[in-house]
N, C-alpha and C. Protein backbone atom coordinates (compact mmCIF):
# COMPACT_ATOMS: atom_id res chain seq x y z
N MET A 1 -15.63 1.34 12.86
CA MET A 1 -14.64 0.44 12.37
C MET A 1 -14.08 0.84 11.41
N ILE A 2 -12.77 1.11 11.47
CA ILE A 2 -12.10 2.08 9.95
C ILE A 2 -11.78 1.08 9.03
N ASN A 3 -12.32 1.51 7.98
CA ASN A 3 -11.84 0.75 6.88
C ASN A 3 -10.49 1.42 6.24
N PHE A 4 -9.13 0.40 6.29
CA PHE A 4 -7.99 0.72 5.88
C PHE A 4 -7.68 0.53 4.39
N ASN A 5 -8.52 -0.12 3.88
CA ASN A 5 -8.55 -0.15 2.19
C ASN A 5 -9.65 0.61 1.73
N ASP A 6 -10.36 1.64 2.35
CA ASP A 6 -11.04 3.00 1.51
C ASP A 6 -10.32 3.55 0.58
N GLU A 7 -10.29 4.25 -0.42
CA GLU A 7 -10.08 4.76 -1.36
C GLU A 7 -9.53 6.17 -0.81
N ILE A 8 -9.94 6.80 -0.10
CA ILE A 8 -9.93 8.12 0.32
C ILE A 8 -7.97 7.96 1.34
N PHE A 9 -7.61 6.90 1.72
CA PHE A 9 -6.14 6.81 1.83
C PHE A 9 -5.47 6.88 0.97
N LYS A 10 -5.74 7.17 -0.29
CA LYS A 10 -4.87 7.62 -1.33
C LYS A 10 -4.16 9.12 -0.80
N ASN A 11 -5.13 9.76 -0.07
CA ASN A 11 -4.37 11.18 0.51
C ASN A 11 -3.37 11.07 1.44
N LEU A 12 -2.72 9.48 2.10
CA LEU A 12 -1.80 9.42 3.19
C LEU A 12 -0.46 8.97 2.26
N CYS A 13 0.48 9.89 2.67
CA CYS A 13 1.96 9.67 1.87
C CYS A 13 2.74 9.77 3.09
N VAL A 14 3.37 8.52 2.93
CA VAL A 14 4.60 8.36 3.80
C VAL A 14 5.80 9.01 3.50
N VAL A 15 6.76 9.59 4.36
CA VAL A 15 7.74 9.83 3.38
C VAL A 15 8.67 9.96 5.00
N SER A 16 9.69 8.93 4.28
CA SER A 16 11.08 8.27 5.36
C SER A 16 12.65 8.99 5.21
N ALA A 17 13.50 8.98 5.77
CA ALA A 17 14.87 9.12 5.27
C ALA A 17 15.74 9.00 6.33
N PRO A 18 17.07 8.61 6.51
CA PRO A 18 17.94 8.80 7.57
C PRO A 18 18.45 9.45 8.01
N SER A 19 18.55 9.88 9.32
CA SER A 19 18.39 11.29 10.28
C SER A 19 19.41 11.97 9.40
N GLY A 20 19.01 13.30 9.22
CA GLY A 20 20.23 13.99 8.81
C GLY A 20 19.79 13.97 7.47
N ALA A 21 19.10 13.84 6.91
CA ALA A 21 18.88 13.61 4.88
C ALA A 21 18.34 14.99 4.70
N GLY A 22 17.59 15.89 6.18
CA GLY A 22 16.83 16.54 5.80
C GLY A 22 15.29 16.57 5.41
N LYS A 23 15.07 15.35 6.02
CA LYS A 23 13.75 15.28 5.38
C LYS A 23 12.08 16.11 6.39
N SER A 24 12.88 16.99 7.56
CA SER A 24 12.07 17.53 8.09
C SER A 24 11.83 18.91 7.68
N SER A 25 12.94 19.42 7.35
CA SER A 25 12.76 20.68 6.37
C SER A 25 12.48 20.81 5.22
N LEU A 26 12.15 20.06 4.59
CA LEU A 26 11.57 19.70 3.62
C LEU A 26 10.00 19.48 3.12
N ILE A 27 9.63 18.87 4.50
CA ILE A 27 8.50 18.75 4.77
C ILE A 27 8.45 19.67 5.10
N LYS A 28 8.34 20.48 5.95
CA LYS A 28 7.99 21.78 6.48
C LYS A 28 7.73 23.27 5.14
N LYS A 29 8.76 23.27 4.10
CA LYS A 29 8.12 23.96 3.11
C LYS A 29 7.25 23.61 2.07
N VAL A 30 7.32 22.18 2.49
CA VAL A 30 6.15 21.57 1.33
C VAL A 30 4.62 22.10 2.00
N CYS A 31 4.72 21.76 3.52
CA CYS A 31 3.95 22.07 4.06
C CYS A 31 3.02 23.18 3.96
N ILE A 32 3.55 24.33 2.99
CA ILE A 32 3.14 25.71 3.22
C ILE A 32 2.47 25.70 1.84
N GLU A 33 1.91 24.32 0.82
CA GLU A 33 1.10 24.63 0.01
C GLU A 33 -0.59 24.13 1.01
N LYS A 34 -1.38 24.69 0.54
CA LYS A 34 -2.75 24.52 1.02
C LYS A 34 -3.45 23.01 1.05
N ASN A 35 -2.81 22.55 0.52
CA ASN A 35 -3.58 21.13 0.45
C ASN A 35 -3.01 19.79 0.92
N ILE A 36 -1.43 20.46 1.63
CA ILE A 36 -1.00 19.48 1.96
C ILE A 36 -0.73 19.67 3.57
N SER A 37 -1.03 18.39 4.46
CA SER A 37 -0.49 18.86 5.93
C SER A 37 0.37 17.99 6.75
N VAL A 38 0.66 17.97 7.73
CA VAL A 38 1.23 16.54 8.44
C VAL A 38 0.69 16.42 9.55
N CYS A 39 0.59 15.25 9.35
CA CYS A 39 0.03 14.38 10.96
C CYS A 39 1.16 14.13 12.13
N ILE A 40 0.59 14.88 13.05
CA ILE A 40 2.22 15.45 14.06
C ILE A 40 2.29 13.64 14.65
N SER A 41 3.73 12.99 14.57
CA SER A 41 3.41 12.21 15.45
C SER A 41 3.72 12.22 16.83
N GLU A 42 3.93 11.44 17.54
CA GLU A 42 3.64 11.29 19.43
C GLU A 42 5.04 10.45 19.29
N THR A 43 6.25 11.08 20.35
CA THR A 43 7.07 10.48 20.65
C THR A 43 7.28 10.81 22.34
N SER A 44 8.18 9.28 22.92
CA SER A 44 8.57 9.16 24.18
C SER A 44 9.81 10.07 24.77
N ARG A 45 10.34 10.47 23.38
CA ARG A 45 11.90 11.28 23.44
C ARG A 45 11.59 12.32 23.97
N LYS A 46 12.74 13.03 24.29
CA LYS A 46 12.73 14.54 24.98
C LYS A 46 13.00 15.84 23.80
N PRO A 47 12.63 16.59 23.80
CA PRO A 47 12.38 18.44 22.70
C PRO A 47 13.63 18.19 22.52
N ARG A 48 14.19 18.00 21.09
CA ARG A 48 15.36 18.90 20.95
C ARG A 48 15.46 21.31 20.59
N LYS A 49 16.58 21.42 20.65
CA LYS A 49 16.31 22.88 20.85
C LYS A 49 15.71 23.07 19.78
N GLY A 50 14.73 24.38 19.74
CA GLY A 50 14.13 24.60 18.94
C GLY A 50 12.63 23.83 18.82
N GLU A 51 12.64 22.52 18.92
CA GLU A 51 11.49 22.02 18.90
C GLU A 51 9.81 22.25 19.70
N VAL A 52 8.95 22.43 18.78
CA VAL A 52 7.62 22.96 19.84
C VAL A 52 6.66 21.55 19.93
N GLU A 53 6.51 21.74 20.73
CA GLU A 53 5.48 21.03 21.17
C GLU A 53 3.66 20.80 20.16
N GLY A 54 3.18 20.14 19.46
CA GLY A 54 2.46 20.11 19.02
C GLY A 54 2.33 20.68 17.28
N VAL A 55 4.09 20.96 17.27
CA VAL A 55 4.41 21.34 15.60
C VAL A 55 5.49 20.46 14.61
N ASP A 56 6.67 19.94 15.63
CA ASP A 56 7.24 19.11 15.80
C ASP A 56 6.96 17.84 15.98
N TYR A 57 6.74 17.52 17.05
CA TYR A 57 5.83 16.13 17.53
C TYR A 57 5.15 16.59 18.54
N LYS A 58 4.25 15.43 19.12
CA LYS A 58 3.71 15.59 20.49
C LYS A 58 4.32 14.91 21.36
N PHE A 59 4.97 15.50 22.41
CA PHE A 59 6.08 14.59 23.32
C PHE A 59 5.05 14.17 24.51
N ILE A 60 5.19 12.98 24.65
CA ILE A 60 4.45 12.12 26.17
C ILE A 60 5.62 11.39 26.70
N GLU A 61 5.14 11.06 28.11
CA GLU A 61 6.21 10.26 28.77
C GLU A 61 5.94 8.79 28.37
N LYS A 62 6.97 8.14 28.31
CA LYS A 62 7.05 6.64 28.10
C LYS A 62 6.10 5.96 29.21
N GLU A 63 5.49 6.20 29.47
CA GLU A 63 4.43 5.51 29.93
C GLU A 63 3.35 5.31 29.65
N ASP A 64 3.07 7.16 29.66
CA ASP A 64 1.72 7.38 28.25
C ASP A 64 1.73 6.73 27.34
N PHE A 65 3.00 6.75 26.52
CA PHE A 65 3.22 5.37 25.28
C PHE A 65 2.55 4.49 25.39
N GLN A 66 3.28 4.09 26.61
CA GLN A 66 2.66 2.53 26.51
C GLN A 66 1.66 2.19 26.50
N GLU A 67 0.78 2.81 27.79
CA GLU A 67 -0.61 2.59 27.91
C GLU A 67 -1.23 2.69 26.97
N ARG A 68 -1.07 3.81 25.86
CA ARG A 68 -1.65 4.07 24.27
C ARG A 68 -1.66 2.92 23.15
N VAL A 69 -0.57 2.49 23.52
CA VAL A 69 0.00 0.77 23.22
C VAL A 69 -1.30 -0.01 23.27
N LYS A 70 -0.90 -0.22 24.44
CA LYS A 70 -1.69 -1.33 24.85
C LYS A 70 -3.04 -1.06 24.55
N ALA A 71 -3.63 -0.01 24.80
CA ALA A 71 -4.94 0.57 24.26
C ALA A 71 -5.25 0.54 22.66
N ASN A 72 -4.16 0.44 21.63
CA ASN A 72 -4.26 -0.12 20.16
C ASN A 72 -4.73 1.14 19.58
N LYS A 73 -4.27 2.76 20.11
CA LYS A 73 -4.40 4.01 19.99
C LYS A 73 -3.91 4.20 18.55
N TYR A 74 -2.60 3.45 18.34
CA TYR A 74 -1.35 3.95 17.26
C TYR A 74 -1.72 3.05 15.82
N ILE A 75 -1.93 3.78 14.86
CA ILE A 75 -1.60 2.57 13.01
C ILE A 75 -0.47 1.84 13.61
N GLU A 76 0.76 2.60 13.77
CA GLU A 76 2.08 1.92 13.75
C GLU A 76 2.53 2.59 15.21
N TYR A 77 3.41 2.07 15.99
CA TYR A 77 4.96 2.47 16.52
C TYR A 77 5.89 1.62 16.44
N ALA A 78 6.91 2.36 16.50
CA ALA A 78 8.32 1.51 16.94
C ALA A 78 9.19 2.41 18.16
N ILE A 79 10.45 1.44 18.50
CA ILE A 79 11.11 2.58 19.31
C ILE A 79 12.23 2.48 18.32
N VAL A 80 12.68 3.76 18.29
CA VAL A 80 13.87 4.48 17.62
C VAL A 80 15.25 4.54 17.98
N HIS A 81 15.90 4.26 17.94
CA HIS A 81 17.07 5.15 19.03
C HIS A 81 16.91 5.25 20.09
N GLY A 82 16.13 3.64 20.74
CA GLY A 82 15.73 3.85 22.20
C GLY A 82 14.48 4.81 22.21
N ASN A 83 13.82 5.10 21.79
CA ASN A 83 12.47 6.34 22.09
C ASN A 83 11.56 5.46 21.18
N TYR A 84 10.35 5.58 21.70
CA TYR A 84 8.66 5.43 21.45
C TYR A 84 8.34 6.50 20.26
N TYR A 85 8.37 6.17 18.88
CA TYR A 85 7.32 7.06 18.01
C TYR A 85 6.04 6.73 17.45
N GLY A 86 5.35 6.85 17.45
CA GLY A 86 4.05 6.45 16.85
C GLY A 86 2.72 7.24 16.17
N THR A 87 2.24 6.62 15.30
CA THR A 87 1.12 7.52 14.83
C THR A 87 -0.53 7.45 14.92
N SER A 88 -1.42 8.13 15.62
CA SER A 88 -2.31 7.75 16.05
C SER A 88 -3.29 7.61 15.12
N ILE A 89 -4.01 6.47 15.35
CA ILE A 89 -4.75 6.45 14.52
C ILE A 89 -6.43 7.21 14.38
N GLU A 90 -6.47 7.89 15.22
CA GLU A 90 -7.22 8.91 15.16
C GLU A 90 -7.23 10.29 14.74
N SER A 91 -5.60 10.62 14.88
CA SER A 91 -5.24 12.07 14.05
C SER A 91 -4.86 11.45 12.88
N VAL A 92 -4.89 10.35 12.13
CA VAL A 92 -4.74 10.09 10.84
C VAL A 92 -6.00 10.34 9.84
N THR A 93 -7.18 9.17 10.34
CA THR A 93 -8.59 8.93 9.91
C THR A 93 -8.74 10.47 9.78
N ASN A 94 -8.83 11.46 10.91
CA ASN A 94 -10.08 13.00 10.88
C ASN A 94 -9.02 13.74 9.52
N GLN A 95 -7.25 13.33 9.95
CA GLN A 95 -7.19 14.14 8.80
C GLN A 95 -7.56 14.08 7.47
N VAL A 96 -7.04 12.96 6.97
CA VAL A 96 -7.67 12.32 5.86
C VAL A 96 -9.03 12.49 4.81
N LYS A 97 -9.83 12.57 5.94
CA LYS A 97 -11.49 12.84 5.66
C LYS A 97 -11.56 14.51 5.45
N LYS A 98 -10.56 15.08 5.69
CA LYS A 98 -10.45 16.78 5.27
C LYS A 98 -10.14 16.63 3.58
N ASP A 99 -10.30 15.53 3.26
CA ASP A 99 -9.55 15.74 1.13
C ASP A 99 -8.33 16.53 1.37
N GLU A 100 -7.84 16.25 2.63
CA GLU A 100 -5.91 17.02 2.45
C GLU A 100 -4.97 15.74 1.88
N ILE A 101 -3.89 16.22 1.41
CA ILE A 101 -3.49 15.23 1.61
C ILE A 101 -1.89 15.11 2.55
N VAL A 102 -2.14 14.17 3.21
CA VAL A 102 -1.46 14.24 4.71
C VAL A 102 0.14 13.31 4.79
N ILE A 103 0.76 14.17 5.56
CA ILE A 103 2.06 13.31 5.43
C ILE A 103 2.53 12.81 6.50
N LEU A 104 2.30 11.38 6.78
CA LEU A 104 3.30 10.70 7.42
C LEU A 104 4.91 10.81 7.53
N GLU A 105 5.81 11.33 8.92
CA GLU A 105 7.01 11.47 8.64
C GLU A 105 7.46 10.29 9.56
N ILE A 106 7.77 9.72 8.93
CA ILE A 106 7.99 8.35 9.91
C ILE A 106 9.51 7.17 9.25
N ASP A 107 9.39 6.69 10.34
CA ASP A 107 11.20 5.51 9.98
C ASP A 107 10.35 4.23 9.03
N ILE A 108 11.37 3.43 8.80
CA ILE A 108 11.54 2.33 7.66
C ILE A 108 10.34 1.65 8.52
N GLN A 109 10.59 1.71 9.74
CA GLN A 109 9.92 0.63 10.13
C GLN A 109 9.14 0.71 10.45
N GLY A 110 7.65 1.52 10.57
CA GLY A 110 6.58 2.34 10.59
C GLY A 110 5.85 2.62 9.18
N ALA A 111 7.35 2.45 8.00
CA ALA A 111 6.59 2.74 6.95
C ALA A 111 6.25 1.33 6.42
N GLU A 112 6.85 0.53 6.67
CA GLU A 112 6.32 -0.89 6.29
C GLU A 112 4.86 -1.88 6.45
N ILE A 113 4.65 -0.74 8.04
CA ILE A 113 3.67 -1.38 8.68
C ILE A 113 2.46 -0.54 8.44
N ILE A 114 2.75 0.73 7.58
CA ILE A 114 1.36 1.43 7.39
C ILE A 114 1.10 1.00 5.19
N LYS A 115 2.33 0.45 4.64
CA LYS A 115 1.98 -0.04 3.75
C LYS A 115 1.38 -1.53 3.57
N LYS A 116 1.46 -2.36 4.79
CA LYS A 116 0.74 -3.59 4.92
C LYS A 116 -0.76 -3.04 5.16
N LYS A 117 -0.86 -2.58 5.89
CA LYS A 117 -2.47 -1.98 6.28
C LYS A 117 -2.88 -0.89 5.84
N ILE A 118 -2.63 -0.60 4.97
CA ILE A 118 -2.86 0.79 4.13
C ILE A 118 -2.28 0.67 2.63
N PRO A 119 -2.90 -0.07 1.68
CA PRO A 119 -2.39 -0.65 0.22
C PRO A 119 -2.88 0.92 -0.47
N PHE A 120 -3.05 1.52 -0.21
CA PHE A 120 -4.08 2.85 -0.66
C PHE A 120 -2.63 4.06 -0.39
N SER A 121 -1.97 4.14 0.01
CA SER A 121 -1.33 4.81 0.76
C SER A 121 0.35 4.47 0.42
N ARG A 122 1.03 6.03 -0.34
CA ARG A 122 1.96 6.26 -1.23
C ARG A 122 3.49 6.50 -0.11
N SER A 123 4.55 5.99 -0.57
CA SER A 123 5.78 6.51 0.37
C SER A 123 7.26 6.78 -0.95
N ILE A 124 7.33 7.43 -0.28
CA ILE A 124 8.69 8.16 -0.39
C ILE A 124 9.92 8.39 0.52
N PHE A 125 11.32 7.64 -0.20
CA PHE A 125 12.75 7.81 0.49
C PHE A 125 12.92 8.79 0.13
N ILE A 126 13.83 9.97 1.28
CA ILE A 126 14.68 10.72 0.86
C ILE A 126 16.07 10.56 1.28
N LEU A 127 16.84 10.21 0.50
CA LEU A 127 18.69 10.18 0.68
C LEU A 127 19.13 11.73 1.12
N PRO A 128 20.26 11.07 1.26
CA PRO A 128 21.53 12.33 1.09
C PRO A 128 22.08 12.05 0.17
N PRO A 129 22.70 13.45 -0.75
CA PRO A 129 23.63 12.63 -1.26
C PRO A 129 25.24 11.70 -1.49
N THR A 130 25.80 11.45 0.03
CA THR A 130 26.77 10.89 0.15
C THR A 130 26.75 10.63 1.98
N LEU A 131 26.91 9.86 2.19
CA LEU A 131 27.55 9.22 3.66
C LEU A 131 28.06 10.83 4.29
N LYS A 132 29.52 11.05 3.63
CA LYS A 132 29.99 12.36 4.60
C LYS A 132 29.08 13.22 4.66
N ILE A 133 28.24 13.57 3.45
CA ILE A 133 27.44 14.84 3.48
C ILE A 133 26.66 14.97 4.94
N LEU A 134 26.01 13.39 5.16
CA LEU A 134 24.81 13.02 6.09
C LEU A 134 25.59 13.40 7.13
N GLU A 135 26.87 12.57 7.08
CA GLU A 135 27.62 12.50 8.62
C GLU A 135 28.16 14.32 8.82
N LYS A 136 28.26 15.43 7.66
CA LYS A 136 28.19 16.69 7.84
C LYS A 136 26.88 17.37 8.69
N ARG A 137 25.58 16.80 7.63
CA ARG A 137 24.51 17.63 8.72
C ARG A 137 24.11 17.48 9.83
N LEU A 138 24.62 16.10 10.10
CA LEU A 138 24.39 15.63 12.02
C LEU A 138 25.47 16.16 12.45
N ARG A 139 26.78 16.45 12.05
CA ARG A 139 27.90 17.12 12.83
C ARG A 139 27.56 18.69 13.12
N GLU A 140 26.67 19.34 11.83
CA GLU A 140 26.70 20.78 12.34
C GLU A 140 25.62 21.24 12.81
N ARG A 141 24.00 20.25 12.86
CA ARG A 141 23.13 20.47 13.67
C ARG A 141 23.05 20.79 15.12
N ALA A 142 24.70 20.13 15.40
CA ALA A 142 24.63 19.49 17.03
C ALA A 142 23.72 19.55 18.49
N THR A 143 23.17 18.27 17.89
CA THR A 143 22.34 18.27 18.67
C THR A 143 22.43 16.86 19.20
N ASP A 144 22.99 16.17 18.97
CA ASP A 144 23.19 14.88 19.19
C ASP A 144 24.93 14.73 19.87
N GLU A 145 25.42 13.82 20.58
CA GLU A 145 26.30 13.38 21.05
C GLU A 145 26.77 12.49 20.33
N GLU A 146 28.51 12.68 20.42
CA GLU A 146 29.09 11.57 19.42
C GLU A 146 28.86 10.05 19.16
N SER A 147 28.70 9.35 20.85
CA SER A 147 28.01 8.35 20.32
C SER A 147 26.44 8.24 19.74
N VAL A 148 25.60 8.97 19.25
CA VAL A 148 24.40 9.12 18.80
C VAL A 148 24.46 9.36 17.49
N ILE A 149 25.40 10.23 17.46
CA ILE A 149 25.48 10.56 15.96
C ILE A 149 26.43 9.16 15.07
N LEU A 150 26.72 8.24 15.65
CA LEU A 150 27.86 7.20 14.61
C LEU A 150 26.71 5.83 15.19
N GLU A 151 25.96 6.06 16.01
CA GLU A 151 24.81 4.93 15.83
C GLU A 151 23.34 5.75 14.47
N ARG A 152 23.80 6.75 14.41
CA ARG A 152 22.52 6.87 13.18
C ARG A 152 23.69 7.01 11.83
N LEU A 153 24.29 6.79 11.67
CA LEU A 153 25.21 6.85 10.70
C LEU A 153 25.20 5.09 10.50
N LYS A 154 25.85 4.69 11.22
CA LYS A 154 25.45 3.20 11.17
C LYS A 154 23.77 3.16 10.64
N ASN A 155 23.01 3.16 11.28
CA ASN A 155 21.41 2.77 11.02
C ASN A 155 21.34 3.17 9.33
N ALA A 156 21.79 4.48 9.38
CA ALA A 156 21.58 4.81 8.31
C ALA A 156 22.11 4.19 6.47
N LYS A 157 23.31 3.25 6.49
CA LYS A 157 23.42 2.32 5.64
C LYS A 157 22.71 1.09 5.97
N THR A 158 21.73 0.93 7.04
CA THR A 158 20.35 0.10 6.99
C THR A 158 19.68 0.40 5.94
N GLU A 159 19.11 1.57 6.54
CA GLU A 159 17.99 2.22 6.10
C GLU A 159 17.95 2.74 4.83
N VAL A 160 19.54 2.81 4.23
CA VAL A 160 19.02 2.99 2.72
C VAL A 160 19.01 1.84 1.65
N THR A 161 18.73 0.86 2.28
CA THR A 161 18.83 -0.46 1.35
C THR A 161 17.15 -1.05 1.54
N LYS A 162 16.52 -0.11 1.97
CA LYS A 162 14.96 -0.40 1.73
C LYS A 162 14.59 1.03 1.33
N ALA A 163 15.19 2.20 0.58
CA ALA A 163 14.48 2.82 -0.17
C ALA A 163 14.17 2.31 -1.44
N PRO A 164 14.76 1.15 -2.44
CA PRO A 164 13.65 0.42 -3.61
C PRO A 164 12.23 0.09 -3.28
N LEU A 165 12.30 0.00 -2.22
CA LEU A 165 10.76 -0.36 -1.46
C LEU A 165 9.84 0.36 -1.34
N TYR A 166 10.30 1.35 -1.43
CA TYR A 166 9.23 2.88 -1.19
C TYR A 166 8.86 3.41 -2.98
N ASP A 167 7.84 3.93 -3.26
CA ASP A 167 7.45 4.16 -4.00
C ASP A 167 7.90 5.56 -5.65
N TYR A 168 8.32 6.41 -4.23
CA TYR A 168 9.52 6.99 -4.91
C TYR A 168 11.07 7.02 -4.53
N ILE A 169 11.81 7.39 -4.83
CA ILE A 169 13.17 7.85 -4.52
C ILE A 169 13.27 9.27 -4.87
N LEU A 170 13.96 10.33 -3.89
CA LEU A 170 14.65 11.29 -3.43
C LEU A 170 15.79 11.53 -3.35
N VAL A 171 16.56 12.24 -4.32
CA VAL A 171 18.19 12.27 -3.16
C VAL A 171 18.51 13.82 -3.28
N ASN A 172 18.36 14.14 -1.81
CA ASN A 172 18.13 16.02 -1.48
C ASN A 172 19.51 16.44 -1.80
N ASP A 173 20.01 16.60 -2.50
CA ASP A 173 21.16 17.13 -2.94
C ASP A 173 21.50 18.81 -3.12
N ASP A 174 20.05 19.72 -3.50
CA ASP A 174 19.95 20.79 -3.99
C ASP A 174 18.45 21.10 -3.01
N PHE A 175 18.32 21.99 -2.08
CA PHE A 175 17.23 21.84 -1.17
C PHE A 175 15.74 22.38 -1.80
N ASP A 176 16.44 23.19 -2.90
CA ASP A 176 15.15 23.83 -3.46
C ASP A 176 14.87 22.55 -4.43
N ASN A 177 15.19 22.28 -5.46
CA ASN A 177 15.00 21.39 -6.23
C ASN A 177 14.49 20.02 -5.54
N SER A 178 15.22 19.88 -4.96
CA SER A 178 14.44 18.77 -3.66
C SER A 178 12.92 18.92 -3.46
N GLN A 179 12.76 20.10 -2.46
CA GLN A 179 11.16 20.20 -2.26
C GLN A 179 10.72 20.98 -3.23
N SER A 180 10.73 21.50 -4.89
CA SER A 180 10.02 20.81 -5.96
C SER A 180 9.50 19.28 -5.94
N GLN A 181 10.67 18.40 -6.16
CA GLN A 181 10.44 17.08 -6.59
C GLN A 181 9.44 16.27 -5.32
N LEU A 182 9.72 16.85 -4.28
CA LEU A 182 9.00 16.13 -3.24
C LEU A 182 7.06 16.50 -3.61
N THR A 183 7.25 18.10 -3.81
CA THR A 183 6.03 18.37 -3.85
C THR A 183 4.86 17.89 -5.34
N ILE A 184 5.64 17.01 -6.38
CA ILE A 184 5.09 16.79 -7.36
C ILE A 184 4.74 15.33 -6.89
N TYR A 185 6.25 14.81 -6.18
CA TYR A 185 5.64 13.45 -5.64
C TYR A 185 4.16 13.33 -4.52
N ILE A 186 4.26 14.23 -3.75
CA ILE A 186 3.32 14.00 -3.05
C ILE A 186 1.74 14.10 -3.61
N ASN A 187 1.76 15.41 -4.55
CA ASN A 187 0.76 15.42 -5.12
C ASN A 187 0.36 14.60 -6.29
N ASP A 188 1.39 13.47 -6.45
CA ASP A 188 0.94 12.07 -7.38
C ASP A 188 -0.12 11.08 -6.99
N ILE A 189 -1.30 11.44 -6.67
CA ILE A 189 -1.58 10.49 -6.14
C ILE A 189 -2.68 9.57 -6.53
N ASN A 190 -2.71 9.33 -7.80
CA ASN A 190 -2.68 8.06 -8.63
C ASN A 190 -1.24 7.53 -8.99
N THR A 191 -0.43 8.13 -8.59
CA THR A 191 0.83 7.28 -9.32
C THR A 191 0.77 7.12 -10.77
N ASP A 192 0.62 9.07 -11.09
CA ASP A 192 0.50 8.96 -12.71
C ASP A 192 1.68 8.54 -12.93
N ILE A 193 3.21 9.03 -12.15
CA ILE A 193 4.08 9.33 -12.89
C ILE A 193 4.67 7.79 -12.97
N ALA A 194 5.51 7.79 -14.33
CA ALA A 194 6.20 6.48 -14.70
C ALA A 194 6.92 5.73 -13.29
N GLU A 195 6.55 4.31 -12.82
CA GLU A 195 7.43 3.99 -11.96
C GLU A 195 9.26 4.13 -12.44
N LYS A 196 9.80 4.45 -13.60
CA LYS A 196 11.43 3.98 -13.78
C LYS A 196 11.69 5.70 -13.51
N ILE A 197 10.53 6.55 -13.93
CA ILE A 197 10.92 7.79 -13.25
C ILE A 197 10.90 8.34 -11.44
N ARG A 198 10.08 7.89 -10.77
CA ARG A 198 9.57 7.91 -9.42
C ARG A 198 10.96 7.50 -8.78
N LYS A 199 11.64 6.00 -9.47
CA LYS A 199 12.53 5.17 -8.57
C LYS A 199 13.71 5.61 -9.02
N GLU A 200 14.34 6.71 -9.76
CA GLU A 200 15.05 6.88 -10.33
C GLU A 200 15.80 8.70 -9.16
N PRO A 201 17.12 8.67 -9.10
CA PRO A 201 18.04 7.77 -9.64
C PRO A 201 17.95 6.37 -8.48
N LEU A 202 18.15 5.05 -9.09
CA LEU A 202 18.27 3.93 -8.31
C LEU A 202 19.36 4.06 -7.16
N ILE A 203 19.79 3.52 -6.15
CA ILE A 203 21.20 3.95 -4.92
C ILE A 203 22.41 3.52 -6.62
N ASP A 204 23.26 4.45 -6.26
CA ASP A 204 24.22 4.77 -6.95
C ASP A 204 25.18 6.16 -6.38
N ILE A 205 25.29 5.66 -4.84
CA ILE A 205 26.20 6.76 -3.94
C ILE A 205 26.74 5.94 -3.15
N ASP A 206 27.38 6.43 -2.21
CA ASP A 206 28.88 5.50 -1.70
C ASP A 206 28.11 5.43 -0.24
N PHE A 207 27.46 4.75 -0.49
CA PHE A 207 26.92 4.00 0.85
C PHE A 207 27.65 2.62 0.75
């Protein structure tokens, strides 16, 4: 039986952001550090151009995902933009036991579930500088249809309102600086950084 109140789960760090905020790119850079790894989520959606199985996600069929849900294989799962995303209990527990800091790259729904189930976990919310810049990034990556882009922008306005609930808030306005700051936050296992600093800048952008 897994004890989610075990202090070993201080090694668990949730990172969330609106789609297009640069979360995935930042996490890939941060994971160059030897003591930091990412727990690969499972999803029922199809791979985007350039995505690699077992690196970006574990891609499985919708029916298989639903069967795993019934078997309680996920510590959290959610339907995002019409697709299933979930975090395997087995994957998380195996990684935190290696004394590594483990990142969960999940949405706000999953982050809320993780915080309730694993109180020792920490959470970071990454914001884009402005909504206009977020839209620009979504369009420049050229992976989604117009209807999907508009849906992601609409969802972003809701998602950013959840940022104050996270332990840390980071605005990705300069990639190198954001990478350095994210690394500091991820390594702050005992939340030694003062809350005022962790929560700055508080939401003061054109959302």
